[in-house]
C-alpha atoms as a PDB file:
ATOM      1  CA  MET A   1      12.228 -24.740 -40.630  1.00  0.00           C
ATOM      2  CA  SER A   2      15.442 -22.151 -39.920  1.00  0.00           C
ATOM      3  CA  PHE A   3      15.529 -19.311 -36.602  1.00  0.00           C
ATOM      4  CA  SER A   4      16.962 -16.820 -39.895  1.00  0.00           C
ATOM      5  CA  GLN A   5      15.099 -13.069 -39.161  1.00  0.00           C
ATOM      6  CA  THR A   6      13.778  -9.383 -40.705  1.00  0.00           C
ATOM      7  CA  LYS A   7      15.293  -6.345 -39.060  1.00  0.00           C
ATOM      8  CA  GLU A   8      11.652  -6.415 -38.037  1.00  0.00           C
ATOM      9  CA  ASP A   9      10.911  -9.659 -37.337  1.00  0.00           C
ATOM     10  CA  LYS A  10      13.561  -9.407 -35.100  1.00  0.00           C
ATOM     11  CA  GLU A  11      12.553  -5.562 -33.295  1.00  0.00           C
ATOM     12  CA  VAL A  12       8.943  -7.471 -32.772  1.00  0.00           C
ATOM     13  CA  GLU A  13      11.370  -9.750 -31.110  1.00  0.00           C
ATOM     14  CA  GLU A  14      13.196  -8.152 -29.045  1.00  0.00           C
ATOM     15  CA  GLU A  15      10.246  -6.217 -27.735  1.00  0.00           C
ATOM     16  CA  LEU A  16       8.096  -9.460 -26.734  1.00  0.00           C
ATOM     17  CA  VAL A  17      11.192 -10.724 -24.660  1.00  0.00           C
ATOM     18  CA  ARG A  18      11.572  -7.506 -22.932  1.00  0.00           C
ATOM     19  CA  ASP A  19       7.488  -7.495 -21.660  1.00  0.00           C
ATOM     20  CA  PHE A  20       8.263 -11.187 -20.319  1.00  0.00           C
ATOM     21  CA  GLN A  21      10.660 -10.342 -18.655  1.00  0.00           C
ATOM     22  CA  SER A  22       9.051  -7.611 -17.248  1.00  0.00           C
ATOM     23  CA  GLY A  23       6.500  -9.988 -16.015  1.00  0.00           C
ATOM     24  CA  ASN A  24       3.715 -10.354 -19.503  1.00  0.00           C
ATOM     25  CA  ARG A  25       2.855 -13.891 -19.913  1.00  0.00           C
ATOM     26  CA  GLU A  26       1.017 -13.303 -22.791  1.00  0.00           C
ATOM     27  CA  ALA A  27       4.741 -12.252 -24.084  1.00  0.00           C
ATOM     28  CA  TYR A  28       6.072 -15.241 -23.026  1.00  0.00           C
ATOM     29  CA  ASP A  29       3.015 -17.480 -24.866  1.00  0.00           C
ATOM     30  CA  LYS A  30       4.003 -15.139 -28.140  1.00  0.00           C
ATOM     31  CA  ILE A  31       7.893 -15.951 -27.772  1.00  0.00           C
ATOM     32  CA  ALA A  32       6.750 -19.798 -26.767  1.00  0.00           C
ATOM     33  CA  ASP A  33       4.347 -20.326 -30.397  1.00  0.00           C
ATOM     34  CA  LYS A  34       6.867 -19.568 -32.009  1.00  0.00           C
ATOM     35  CA  TYR A  35       9.985 -21.444 -31.416  1.00  0.00           C
ATOM     36  CA  GLN A  36       7.881 -24.084 -30.318  1.00  0.00           C
ATOM     37  CA  ASN A  37       7.770 -26.420 -33.586  1.00  0.00           C
ATOM     38  CA  LYS A  38      11.866 -24.601 -34.073  1.00  0.00           C
ATOM     39  CA  ILE A  39      12.928 -26.122 -31.132  1.00  0.00           C
ATOM     40  CA  TYR A  40      11.740 -29.519 -31.998  1.00  0.00           C
ATOM     41  CA  SER A  41      12.917 -29.610 -35.393  1.00  0.00           C
ATOM     42  CA  LEU A  42      16.276 -28.846 -34.561  1.00  0.00           C
ATOM     43  CA  SER A  43      15.939 -31.541 -31.552  1.00  0.00           C
ATOM     44  CA  TYR A  44      14.480 -33.844 -34.156  1.00  0.00           C
ATOM     45  CA  ASN A  45      17.490 -33.724 -36.095  1.00  0.00           C
ATOM     46  CA  LEU A  46      19.650 -34.672 -33.561  1.00  0.00           C
ATOM     47  CA  THR A  47      18.106 -36.853 -31.378  1.00  0.00           C
ATOM     48  CA  ARG A  48      16.505 -38.543 -34.355  1.00  0.00           C
ATOM     49  CA  ASN A  49      13.527 -39.906 -31.972  1.00  0.00           C
ATOM     50  CA  GLN A  50      10.168 -37.841 -31.733  1.00  0.00           C
ATOM     51  CA  MET A  51       9.478 -38.787 -27.748  1.00  0.00           C
ATOM     52  CA  ASP A  52      12.786 -37.182 -27.142  1.00  0.00           C
ATOM     53  CA  ALA A  53      12.691 -34.240 -29.235  1.00  0.00           C
ATOM     54  CA  GLN A  54       9.040 -33.552 -28.053  1.00  0.00           C
ATOM     55  CA  ASP A  55      10.841 -33.849 -24.021  1.00  0.00           C
ATOM     56  CA  VAL A  56      13.290 -31.371 -25.489  1.00  0.00           C
ATOM     57  CA  THR A  57      11.344 -29.164 -27.014  1.00  0.00           C
ATOM     58  CA  GLN A  58       9.354 -29.182 -23.057  1.00  0.00           C
ATOM     59  CA  GLU A  59      12.235 -28.355 -21.603  1.00  0.00           C
ATOM     60  CA  VAL A  60      13.480 -25.839 -23.266  1.00  0.00           C
ATOM     61  CA  LEU A  61      10.532 -24.182 -23.109  1.00  0.00           C
ATOM     62  CA  LEU A  62      10.167 -24.663 -19.494  1.00  0.00           C
ATOM     63  CA  THR A  63      13.992 -23.073 -19.530  1.00  0.00           C
ATOM     64  CA  LEU A  64      12.875 -19.470 -21.215  1.00  0.00           C
ATOM     65  CA  PHE A  65      10.531 -19.447 -18.524  1.00  0.00           C
ATOM     66  CA  ARG A  66      12.629 -20.375 -15.506  1.00  0.00           C
ATOM     67  CA  LYS A  67      15.611 -18.221 -16.587  1.00  0.00           C
ATOM     68  CA  ILE A  68      14.267 -15.109 -19.153  1.00  0.00           C
ATOM     69  CA  ASN A  69      15.945 -12.728 -16.647  1.00  0.00           C
ATOM     70  CA  MET A  70      19.303 -14.023 -17.191  1.00  0.00           C
ATOM     71  CA  PHE A  71      19.072 -13.624 -21.472  1.00  0.00           C
ATOM     72  CA  GLN A  72      21.540 -10.086 -21.075  1.00  0.00           C
ATOM     73  CA  GLY A  73      20.404  -9.380 -24.948  1.00  0.00           C
ATOM     74  CA  LYS A  74      24.610  -9.835 -25.733  1.00  0.00           C
ATOM     75  CA  SER A  75      24.200 -11.916 -28.689  1.00  0.00           C
ATOM     76  CA  ALA A  76      20.132 -12.547 -30.423  1.00  0.00           C
ATOM     77  CA  PHE A  77      17.342 -14.097 -28.359  1.00  0.00           C
ATOM     78  CA  SER A  78      17.429 -16.533 -31.037  1.00  0.00           C
ATOM     79  CA  SER A  79      20.858 -17.769 -30.781  1.00  0.00           C
ATOM     80  CA  TRP A  80      20.441 -17.992 -26.759  1.00  0.00           C
ATOM     81  CA  VAL A  81      17.402 -20.450 -27.645  1.00  0.00           C
ATOM     82  CA  TYR A  82      19.333 -22.032 -29.837  1.00  0.00           C
ATOM     83  CA  ARG A  83      22.909 -22.716 -27.799  1.00  0.00           C
ATOM     84  CA  ILE A  84      19.450 -23.895 -24.620  1.00  0.00           C
ATOM     85  CA  THR A  85      17.905 -26.547 -27.193  1.00  0.00           C
ATOM     86  CA  LEU A  86      21.663 -28.022 -28.491  1.00  0.00           C
ATOM     87  CA  ASN A  87      22.723 -28.141 -24.346  1.00  0.00           C
ATOM     88  CA  ALA A  88      19.625 -30.363 -24.253  1.00  0.00           C
ATOM     89  CA  SER A  89      19.553 -32.380 -27.151  1.00  0.00           C
ATOM     90  CA  TYR A  90      22.967 -33.263 -25.715  1.00  0.00           C
ATOM     91  CA  MET A  91      21.956 -34.580 -22.230  1.00  0.00           C
ATOM     92  CA  LYS A  92      19.110 -36.132 -24.073  1.00  0.00           C
ATOM     93  CA  LEU A  93      21.848 -38.040 -26.006  1.00  0.00           C
ATOM     94  CA  ARG A  94      24.123 -39.180 -23.562  1.00  0.00           C
ATOM     95  CA  ARG A  95      21.354 -40.267 -21.653  1.00  0.00           C
ATOM     96  CA  THR A  96      20.041 -42.782 -24.116  1.00  0.00           C
ATOM     97  CA  LYS A  97      23.080 -43.220 -26.218  1.00  0.00           C
ATOM     98  CA  LYS A  98      27.227 -44.024 -27.287  1.00  0.00           C
ATOM     99  CA  GLU A  99      28.306 -41.321 -29.074  1.00  0.00           C
ATOM    100  CA  PRO A 100      29.277 -42.423 -33.204  1.00  0.00           C
ATOM    101  CA  ASN A 101      32.296 -44.513 -33.055  1.00  0.00           C
ATOM    102  CA  ILE A 102      32.909 -44.074 -36.663  1.00  0.00           C
ATOM    103  CA  SER A 103      35.933 -41.027 -37.374  1.00  0.00           C
ATOM    104  CA  ILE A 104      35.741 -38.644 -39.592  1.00  0.00           C
ATOM    105  CA  ASP A 105      39.271 -39.053 -40.747  1.00  0.00           C
ATOM    106  CA  GLN A 106      37.561 -42.621 -42.092  1.00  0.00           C
ATOM    107  CA  LEU A 107      35.471 -41.107 -44.775  1.00  0.00           C
ATOM    108  CA  MET A 108      38.070 -37.824 -45.681  1.00  0.00           C
ATOM    109  CA  PRO A 109      39.907 -38.122 -48.679  1.00  0.00           C
ATOM    110  CA  MET A 110      42.904 -39.440 -49.072  1.00  0.00           C
ATOM    111  CA  PHE A 111      46.042 -37.579 -51.006  1.00  0.00           C
ATOM    112  CA  ASN A 112      49.275 -38.035 -52.169  1.00  0.00           C
ATOM    113  CA  GLY A 113      52.741 -36.687 -51.063  1.00  0.00           C
ATOM    114  CA  ALA A 114      52.212 -34.635 -53.706  1.00  0.00           C
ATOM    115  CA  GLY A 115      48.686 -33.094 -52.382  1.00  0.00           C
ATOM    116  CA  PHE A 116      46.510 -34.481 -55.404  1.00  0.00           C
ATOM    117  CA  GLN A 117      44.005 -36.905 -53.944  1.00  0.00           C
ATOM    118  CA  GLN A 118      44.395 -40.612 -54.472  1.00  0.00           C
ATOM    119  CA  GLU A 119      40.788 -40.737 -55.703  1.00  0.00           C
ATOM    120  CA  GLN A 120      37.849 -39.539 -57.146  1.00  0.00           C
ATOM    121  CA  ILE A 121      34.974 -38.574 -55.436  1.00  0.00           C
ATOM    122  CA  LYS A 122      31.928 -38.299 -57.490  1.00  0.00           C
ATOM    123  CA  ASP A 123      30.297 -35.224 -56.658  1.00  0.00           C
ATOM    124  CA  TRP A 124      26.586 -36.088 -56.455  1.00  0.00           C
ATOM    125  CA  SER A 125      25.568 -33.005 -55.484  1.00  0.00           C
ATOM    126  CA  ASP A 126      24.522 -31.263 -58.706  1.00  0.00           C
ATOM    127  CA  ASN A 127      21.908 -33.743 -59.400  1.00  0.00           C
ATOM    128  CA  THR A 128      19.875 -35.234 -56.139  1.00  0.00           C
ATOM    129  CA  GLU A 129      16.864 -32.856 -56.282  1.00  0.00           C
ATOM    130  CA  SER A 130      14.870 -35.372 -58.113  1.00  0.00           C
ATOM    131  CA  LEU A 131      16.210 -38.184 -55.715  1.00  0.00           C
ATOM    132  CA  ILE A 132      15.703 -36.064 -52.391  1.00  0.00           C
ATOM    133  CA  PHE A 133      12.126 -36.801 -52.108  1.00  0.00           C
ATOM    134  CA  THR A 134      12.110 -39.896 -52.032  1.00  0.00           C
ATOM    135  CA  ASN A 135      11.582 -41.883 -49.185  1.00  0.00           C
ATOM    136  CA  GLU A 136      15.002 -44.454 -49.693  1.00  0.00           C
ATOM    137  CA  THR A 137      17.083 -41.220 -50.283  1.00  0.00           C
ATOM    138  CA  ARG A 138      15.576 -39.835 -47.126  1.00  0.00           C
ATOM    139  CA  SER A 139      16.159 -42.308 -45.507  1.00  0.00           C
ATOM    140  CA  VAL A 140      20.646 -43.148 -46.947  1.00  0.00           C
ATOM    141  CA  ILE A 141      20.807 -39.277 -46.262  1.00  0.00           C
ATOM    142  CA  LYS A 142      19.707 -39.120 -42.838  1.00  0.00           C
ATOM    143  CA  ASN A 143      21.966 -42.193 -41.347  1.00  0.00           C
ATOM    144  CA  ALA A 144      25.195 -40.636 -43.389  1.00  0.00           C
ATOM    145  CA  VAL A 145      24.335 -37.617 -41.736  1.00  0.00           C
ATOM    146  CA  ASP A 146      24.064 -39.255 -38.198  1.00  0.00           C
ATOM    147  CA  LEU A 147      27.253 -41.020 -38.508  1.00  0.00           C
ATOM    148  CA  LEU A 148      28.626 -37.526 -38.711  1.00  0.00           C
ATOM    149  CA  PRO A 149      31.162 -36.472 -35.683  1.00  0.00           C
ATOM    150  CA  GLU A 150      29.648 -34.048 -33.320  1.00  0.00           C
ATOM    151  CA  LYS A 151      31.410 -31.327 -34.086  1.00  0.00           C
ATOM    152  CA  GLU A 152      30.878 -31.277 -38.306  1.00  0.00           C
ATOM    153  CA  LYS A 153      27.230 -32.564 -37.593  1.00  0.00           C
ATOM    154  CA  VAL A 154      25.829 -29.615 -35.440  1.00  0.00           C
ATOM    155  CA  VAL A 155      27.973 -27.281 -37.737  1.00  0.00           C
ATOM    156  CA  PHE A 156      26.064 -29.193 -40.563  1.00  0.00           C
ATOM    157  CA  LEU A 157      22.727 -29.131 -38.848  1.00  0.00           C
ATOM    158  CA  LEU A 158      22.708 -25.634 -38.393  1.00  0.00           C
ATOM    159  CA  ARG A 159      23.741 -24.483 -41.907  1.00  0.00           C
ATOM    160  CA  ASP A 160      22.717 -26.733 -44.411  1.00  0.00           C
ATOM    161  CA  VAL A 161      19.453 -28.065 -42.781  1.00  0.00           C
ATOM    162  CA  GLU A 162      18.180 -24.921 -40.480  1.00  0.00           C
ATOM    163  CA  GLY A 163      19.949 -22.825 -43.000  1.00  0.00           C
ATOM    164  CA  LEU A 164      21.487 -20.137 -41.015  1.00  0.00           C
ATOM    165  CA  SER A 165      24.603 -17.929 -42.207  1.00  0.00           C
ATOM    166  CA  THR A 166      27.783 -19.234 -41.642  1.00  0.00           C
ATOM    167  CA  GLU A 167      28.490 -15.909 -39.431  1.00  0.00           C
ATOM    168  CA  LYS A 168      25.089 -16.851 -37.221  1.00  0.00           C
ATOM    169  CA  THR A 169      26.692 -20.489 -36.656  1.00  0.00           C
ATOM    170  CA  GLY A 170      30.000 -18.970 -36.003  1.00  0.00           C
ATOM    171  CA  GLU A 171      27.554 -17.160 -33.170  1.00  0.00           C
ATOM    172  CA  ILE A 172      25.661 -19.916 -31.097  1.00  0.00           C
ATOM    173  CA  LEU A 173      28.751 -21.841 -31.127  1.00  0.00           C
ATOM    174  CA  ASP A 174      31.620 -19.434 -30.231  1.00  0.00           C
ATOM    175  CA  LEU A 175      33.298 -20.571 -33.275  1.00  0.00           C
ATOM    176  CA  THR A 176      35.348 -18.551 -35.616  1.00  0.00           C
ATOM    177  CA  VAL A 177      34.380 -17.523 -39.154  1.00  0.00           C
ATOM    178  CA  PRO A 178      36.935 -19.970 -40.642  1.00  0.00           C
ATOM    179  CA  ALA A 179      36.205 -22.406 -37.859  1.00  0.00           C
ATOM    180  CA  VAL A 180      33.034 -22.930 -39.186  1.00  0.00           C
ATOM    181  CA  LYS A 181      33.681 -22.760 -42.740  1.00  0.00           C
ATOM    182  CA  SER A 182      36.011 -25.782 -42.148  1.00  0.00           C
ATOM    183  CA  ARG A 183      34.065 -27.864 -39.894  1.00  0.00           C
ATOM    184  CA  LEU A 184      31.235 -27.842 -42.912  1.00  0.00           C
ATOM    185  CA  HIS A 185      34.241 -28.353 -45.797  1.00  0.00           C
ATOM    186  CA  ARG A 186      34.991 -31.872 -43.132  1.00  0.00           C
ATOM    187  CA  ALA A 187      31.306 -32.328 -43.266  1.00  0.00           C
ATOM    188  CA  ARG A 188      29.954 -31.784 -47.027  1.00  0.00           C
ATOM    189  CA  LEU A 189      33.072 -34.234 -48.059  1.00  0.00           C
ATOM    190  CA  PHE A 190      32.841 -37.009 -45.506  1.00  0.00           C
ATOM    191  CA  LEU A 191      29.139 -37.085 -46.660  1.00  0.00           C
ATOM    192  CA  ARG A 192      30.133 -36.825 -51.056  1.00  0.00           C
ATOM    193  CA  LYS A 193      31.661 -39.927 -50.026  1.00  0.00           C
ATOM    194  CA  LYS A 194      30.131 -41.423 -47.980  1.00  0.00           C
ATOM    195  CA  LEU A 195      26.981 -41.761 -50.259  1.00  0.00           C
ATOM    196  CA  SER A 196      28.448 -41.561 -53.562  1.00  0.00           C
ATOM    197  CA  ASN A 197      28.406 -45.475 -54.655  1.00  0.00           C
ATOM    198  CA  TYR A 198      24.418 -45.061 -52.809  1.00  0.00           C
ATOM    199  CA  PHE A 199      24.089 -42.126 -55.945  1.00  0.00           C
ATOM    200  CA  GLU A 200      25.741 -44.123 -58.730  1.00  0.00           C
ATOM    201  CA  GLU A 201      23.875 -47.100 -57.589  1.00  0.00           C
ATOM    202  CA  PHE A 202      20.483 -45.451 -58.005  1.00  0.00           C
ATOM    203  CA  ALA A 203      21.598 -43.861 -61.162  1.00  0.00           C
ATOM    204  CA  LEU A 204      22.445 -47.249 -62.877  1.00  0.00           C
ATOM    205  CA  ARG A 205      18.727 -48.363 -61.441  1.00  0.00           C
ATOM    206  CA  LYS A 206      17.278 -45.625 -63.192  1.00  0.00           C
ATOM    207  CA  THR A 207      18.994 -46.173 -66.916  1.00  0.00           C
ATOM    208  CA  LYS A 208      18.009 -50.153 -66.662  1.00  0.00           C
ATOM    209  CA  LYS A 209      14.512 -49.574 -65.826  1.00  0.00           C
END
């Protein structure tokens, strides 16, 4: 579930924001109704805990209610909501969990002195459509995503899970487009290496049936 919008949706939303800033409570209710599921989705993908995600959702909605006049329209309203959601989710994580103790460099491909990749990692990405919907595979992928360091993980979630554009992701995270592309590339390589053995084993199990 993503924050992607059409031009018409954006104009309607901007009007709702202006109405709420003018004191229209009904406009806030419409904003909350539109965003609460999206806020929950992103916060759950970060915290991996239903109770934490519910807490974050309520906290973000309350922040929107209390601080709506702080939104000055310099960026899209959805980007502002995203930043508040990310901040609230990270605060929840810091209170309840430790940061991953694995370095992304540990699972990045290795290159030799000539610049060639030393190990060939099988690209399973084109063969996963039928696997993605199994409970086992979902769990394996979720666990691998959870190993991503924070900087790469949030870019991966915004781009590949929430389906936002590179430009939108950069706006939310205050990153340049090249920086977003670099982090996304590193995240995808990390996951490809982390998951390659699993998908090879999965394919072997299917051939033996």
